[in-house]
C-alpha atoms as a PDB file:
ATOM      1  CA  MET A   1      -6.927   7.459   0.555  1.00  0.00           C
ATOM      2  CA  PRO A   2      -8.970   5.164  -1.694  1.00  0.00           C
ATOM      3  CA  LEU A   3      -7.596   4.524  -5.155  1.00  0.00           C
ATOM      4  CA  PHE A   4     -10.027   4.716  -8.022  1.00  0.00           C
ATOM      5  CA  PHE A   5      -9.210   3.344 -11.437  1.00  0.00           C
ATOM      6  CA  SER A   6     -11.521   3.076 -14.423  1.00  0.00           C
ATOM      7  CA  SER A   7     -10.942  -0.644 -15.027  1.00  0.00           C
ATOM      8  CA  ASN A   8      -9.701  -3.867 -13.483  1.00  0.00           C
ATOM      9  CA  ARG A   9      -6.786  -3.708 -15.934  1.00  0.00           C
ATOM     10  CA  LEU A  10      -5.586  -0.417 -14.405  1.00  0.00           C
ATOM     11  CA  LYS A  11      -6.151  -1.713 -10.867  1.00  0.00           C
ATOM     12  CA  ARG A  12      -3.879  -4.651 -11.655  1.00  0.00           C
ATOM     13  CA  GLU A  13      -1.291  -2.346 -13.214  1.00  0.00           C
ATOM     14  CA  ALA A  14      -1.366  -0.260 -10.018  1.00  0.00           C
ATOM     15  CA  GLN A  15      -0.892  -3.431  -7.924  1.00  0.00           C
ATOM     16  CA  THR A  16       2.056  -4.440 -10.082  1.00  0.00           C
ATOM     17  CA  VAL A  17       3.834  -1.097  -9.817  1.00  0.00           C
ATOM     18  CA  ALA A  18       3.206  -1.029  -6.053  1.00  0.00           C
ATOM     19  CA  ALA A  19       4.696  -4.525  -5.673  1.00  0.00           C
ATOM     20  CA  ILE A  20       7.769  -3.599  -7.721  1.00  0.00           C
ATOM     21  CA  ILE A  21       8.386  -0.365  -5.815  1.00  0.00           C
ATOM     22  CA  THR A  22       7.846  -2.133  -2.480  1.00  0.00           C
ATOM     23  CA  ARG A  23      10.381  -4.798  -3.432  1.00  0.00           C
ATOM     24  CA  TYR A  24      12.871  -2.145  -4.544  1.00  0.00           C
ATOM     25  CA  CYS A  25      12.442  -0.137  -1.339  1.00  0.00           C
ATOM     26  CA  ARG A  26      12.904  -3.236   0.806  1.00  0.00           C
ATOM     27  CA  ASP A  27      16.033  -4.304  -1.128  1.00  0.00           C
ATOM     28  CA  HIS A  28      17.694  -0.884  -1.509  1.00  0.00           C
ATOM     29  CA  HIS A  29      16.474   1.151   1.447  1.00  0.00           C
ATOM     30  CA  GLN A  30      16.145  -1.724   3.946  1.00  0.00           C
ATOM     31  CA  THR A  31      12.544  -0.896   4.847  1.00  0.00           C
ATOM     32  CA  GLN A  32      10.435  -3.559   6.527  1.00  0.00           C
ATOM     33  CA  GLY A  33       7.120  -1.751   6.915  1.00  0.00           C
ATOM     34  CA  PRO A  34       5.937   1.316   5.035  1.00  0.00           C
ATOM     35  CA  LEU A  35       7.849   2.667   2.049  1.00  0.00           C
ATOM     36  CA  CYS A  36      10.487   5.338   2.525  1.00  0.00           C
ATOM     37  CA  SER A  37       9.425   8.856   1.518  1.00  0.00           C
ATOM     38  CA  GLU A  38      11.291   8.685  -1.809  1.00  0.00           C
ATOM     39  CA  CYS A  39       9.604   5.438  -2.862  1.00  0.00           C
ATOM     40  CA  GLU A  40       6.216   6.587  -1.549  1.00  0.00           C
ATOM     41  CA  ALA A  41       6.505   9.706  -3.743  1.00  0.00           C
ATOM     42  CA  LEU A  42       7.401   7.571  -6.777  1.00  0.00           C
ATOM     43  CA  LEU A  43       4.422   5.289  -6.148  1.00  0.00           C
ATOM     44  CA  ALA A  44       2.069   8.258  -5.806  1.00  0.00           C
ATOM     45  CA  TYR A  45       3.426   9.676  -9.081  1.00  0.00           C
ATOM     46  CA  ALA A  46       2.985   6.331 -10.881  1.00  0.00           C
ATOM     47  CA  ARG A  47      -0.603   6.006  -9.639  1.00  0.00           C
ATOM     48  CA  LYS A  48      -1.384   9.535 -10.780  1.00  0.00           C
ATOM     49  CA  ARG A  49       0.013   8.787 -14.246  1.00  0.00           C
ATOM     50  CA  LEU A  50      -2.086   5.593 -14.431  1.00  0.00           C
ATOM     51  CA  ARG A  51      -5.271   7.436 -13.465  1.00  0.00           C
ATOM     52  CA  ASN A  52      -4.576  10.017 -16.196  1.00  0.00           C
ATOM     53  CA  CYS A  53      -3.495   7.557 -18.900  1.00  0.00           C
ATOM     54  CA  PRO A  54      -5.268   8.453 -22.167  1.00  0.00           C
ATOM     55  CA  PHE A  55      -5.413   4.762 -23.191  1.00  0.00           C
ATOM     56  CA  GLN A  56      -7.025   3.550 -19.922  1.00  0.00           C
ATOM     57  CA  GLU A  57      -7.998  -0.154 -20.137  1.00  0.00           C
ATOM     58  CA  ASN A  58      -6.568  -0.370 -23.677  1.00  0.00           C
ATOM     59  CA  LYS A  59      -3.065   0.560 -22.522  1.00  0.00           C
ATOM     60  CA  THR A  60       0.046  -1.489 -23.057  1.00  0.00           C
ATOM     61  CA  THR A  61       2.836  -1.387 -20.474  1.00  0.00           C
ATOM     62  CA  CYS A  62       4.274   2.080 -19.957  1.00  0.00           C
ATOM     63  CA  GLY A  63       7.670   1.036 -21.296  1.00  0.00           C
ATOM     64  CA  LYS A  64       6.150   0.023 -24.637  1.00  0.00           C
ATOM     65  CA  CYS A  65       3.793   2.982 -24.927  1.00  0.00           C
ATOM     66  CA  SER A  66       4.170   5.464 -27.779  1.00  0.00           C
ATOM     67  CA  LEU A  67       3.222   8.327 -25.448  1.00  0.00           C
ATOM     68  CA  HIS A  68       5.618   8.786 -22.532  1.00  0.00           C
ATOM     69  CA  CYS A  69       3.730  10.749 -19.897  1.00  0.00           C
ATOM     70  CA  TYR A  70       6.361  10.452 -17.131  1.00  0.00           C
ATOM     71  CA  SER A  71       8.711  13.396 -16.692  1.00  0.00           C
ATOM     72  CA  PRO A  72      12.304  12.538 -17.703  1.00  0.00           C
ATOM     73  CA  THR A  73      13.457  12.467 -14.061  1.00  0.00           C
ATOM     74  CA  GLU A  74      10.628  10.214 -12.897  1.00  0.00           C
ATOM     75  CA  ARG A  75      11.027   8.014 -15.944  1.00  0.00           C
ATOM     76  CA  GLU A  76      14.671   7.382 -15.057  1.00  0.00           C
ATOM     77  CA  ARG A  77      13.667   6.578 -11.470  1.00  0.00           C
ATOM     78  CA  ILE A  78      10.983   4.074 -12.438  1.00  0.00           C
ATOM     79  CA  LEU A  79      13.277   2.460 -15.030  1.00  0.00           C
ATOM     80  CA  ALA A  80      15.940   1.927 -12.348  1.00  0.00           C
ATOM     81  CA  VAL A  81      13.313   0.366 -10.069  1.00  0.00           C
ATOM     82  CA  MET A  82      12.009  -1.883 -12.851  1.00  0.00           C
ATOM     83  CA  ARG A  83      15.504  -3.027 -13.879  1.00  0.00           C
ATOM     84  CA  SER A  84      16.382  -3.896 -10.311  1.00  0.00           C
ATOM     85  CA  SER A  85      13.150  -5.443  -9.042  1.00  0.00           C
ATOM     86  CA  GLY A  86      11.302  -6.491 -12.189  1.00  0.00           C
ATOM     87  CA  PRO A  87      13.096  -9.842 -12.631  1.00  0.00           C
ATOM     88  CA  LYS A  88      12.589 -10.670  -8.929  1.00  0.00           C
ATOM     89  CA  MET A  89       8.826 -10.327  -9.416  1.00  0.00           C
ATOM     90  CA  LEU A  90       8.788 -13.739 -11.114  1.00  0.00           C
ATOM     91  CA  PHE A  91       9.546 -15.255  -7.698  1.00  0.00           C
ATOM     92  CA  SER A  92       7.670 -12.954  -5.344  1.00  0.00           C
ATOM     93  CA  HIS A  93       4.570 -12.166  -7.468  1.00  0.00           C
ATOM     94  CA  PRO A  94       4.583 -14.616 -10.409  1.00  0.00           C
ATOM     95  CA  VAL A  95       0.996 -13.981 -11.538  1.00  0.00           C
ATOM     96  CA  LEU A  96       1.430 -10.196 -11.633  1.00  0.00           C
ATOM     97  CA  ALA A  97       4.775 -10.608 -13.413  1.00  0.00           C
ATOM     98  CA  LEU A  98       3.331 -12.929 -16.049  1.00  0.00           C
ATOM     99  CA  LEU A  99       0.308 -10.709 -16.672  1.00  0.00           C
ATOM    100  CA  HIS A 100       2.602  -7.669 -16.957  1.00  0.00           C
ATOM    101  CA  LEU A 101       4.679  -9.478 -19.583  1.00  0.00           C
ATOM    102  CA  LEU A 102       1.522 -10.379 -21.507  1.00  0.00           C
ATOM    103  CA  ASP A 103       0.301  -6.775 -21.277  1.00  0.00           C
ATOM    104  CA  GLY A 104       3.535  -5.711 -22.965  1.00  0.00           C
ATOM    105  CA  TRP A 105       2.369  -7.465 -26.125  1.00  0.00           C
ATOM    106  CA  ARG A 106      -0.728  -5.276 -26.330  1.00  0.00           C
ATOM    107  CA  LYS A 107      -0.897  -2.488 -28.839  1.00  0.00           C
ATOM    108  CA  PRO A 108      -2.207   0.794 -27.408  1.00  0.00           C
ATOM    109  CA  GLY A 109      -5.836   1.248 -28.287  1.00  0.00           C
ATOM    110  CA  PRO A 110      -7.569   4.441 -29.346  1.00  0.00           C
ATOM    111  CA  ARG A 111      -7.602   7.311 -26.882  1.00  0.00           C
END
């Protein structure tokens, strides 16, 4: 299934979340190839939320956003993934990690 995002900024955000979830799945569920069904569902949910983000290319990182569009259950899941695998991204995907940190300084733009 092709993934369509309205901007390069959102494409990069989707790459970042995919890399973090992949790292988490590999570390916690011992997967070597495709993601487990639980992590695949979380990734699909995150991509859907990105495609529907009202801020689009003007968005900050989801954790710093004033509008939390994740359901409480999914938000807890993605926070656990980010806490576990986020710091490891500096070693496995340093450019994505650095750009994600810089994106966190953005202020959400107009909807």
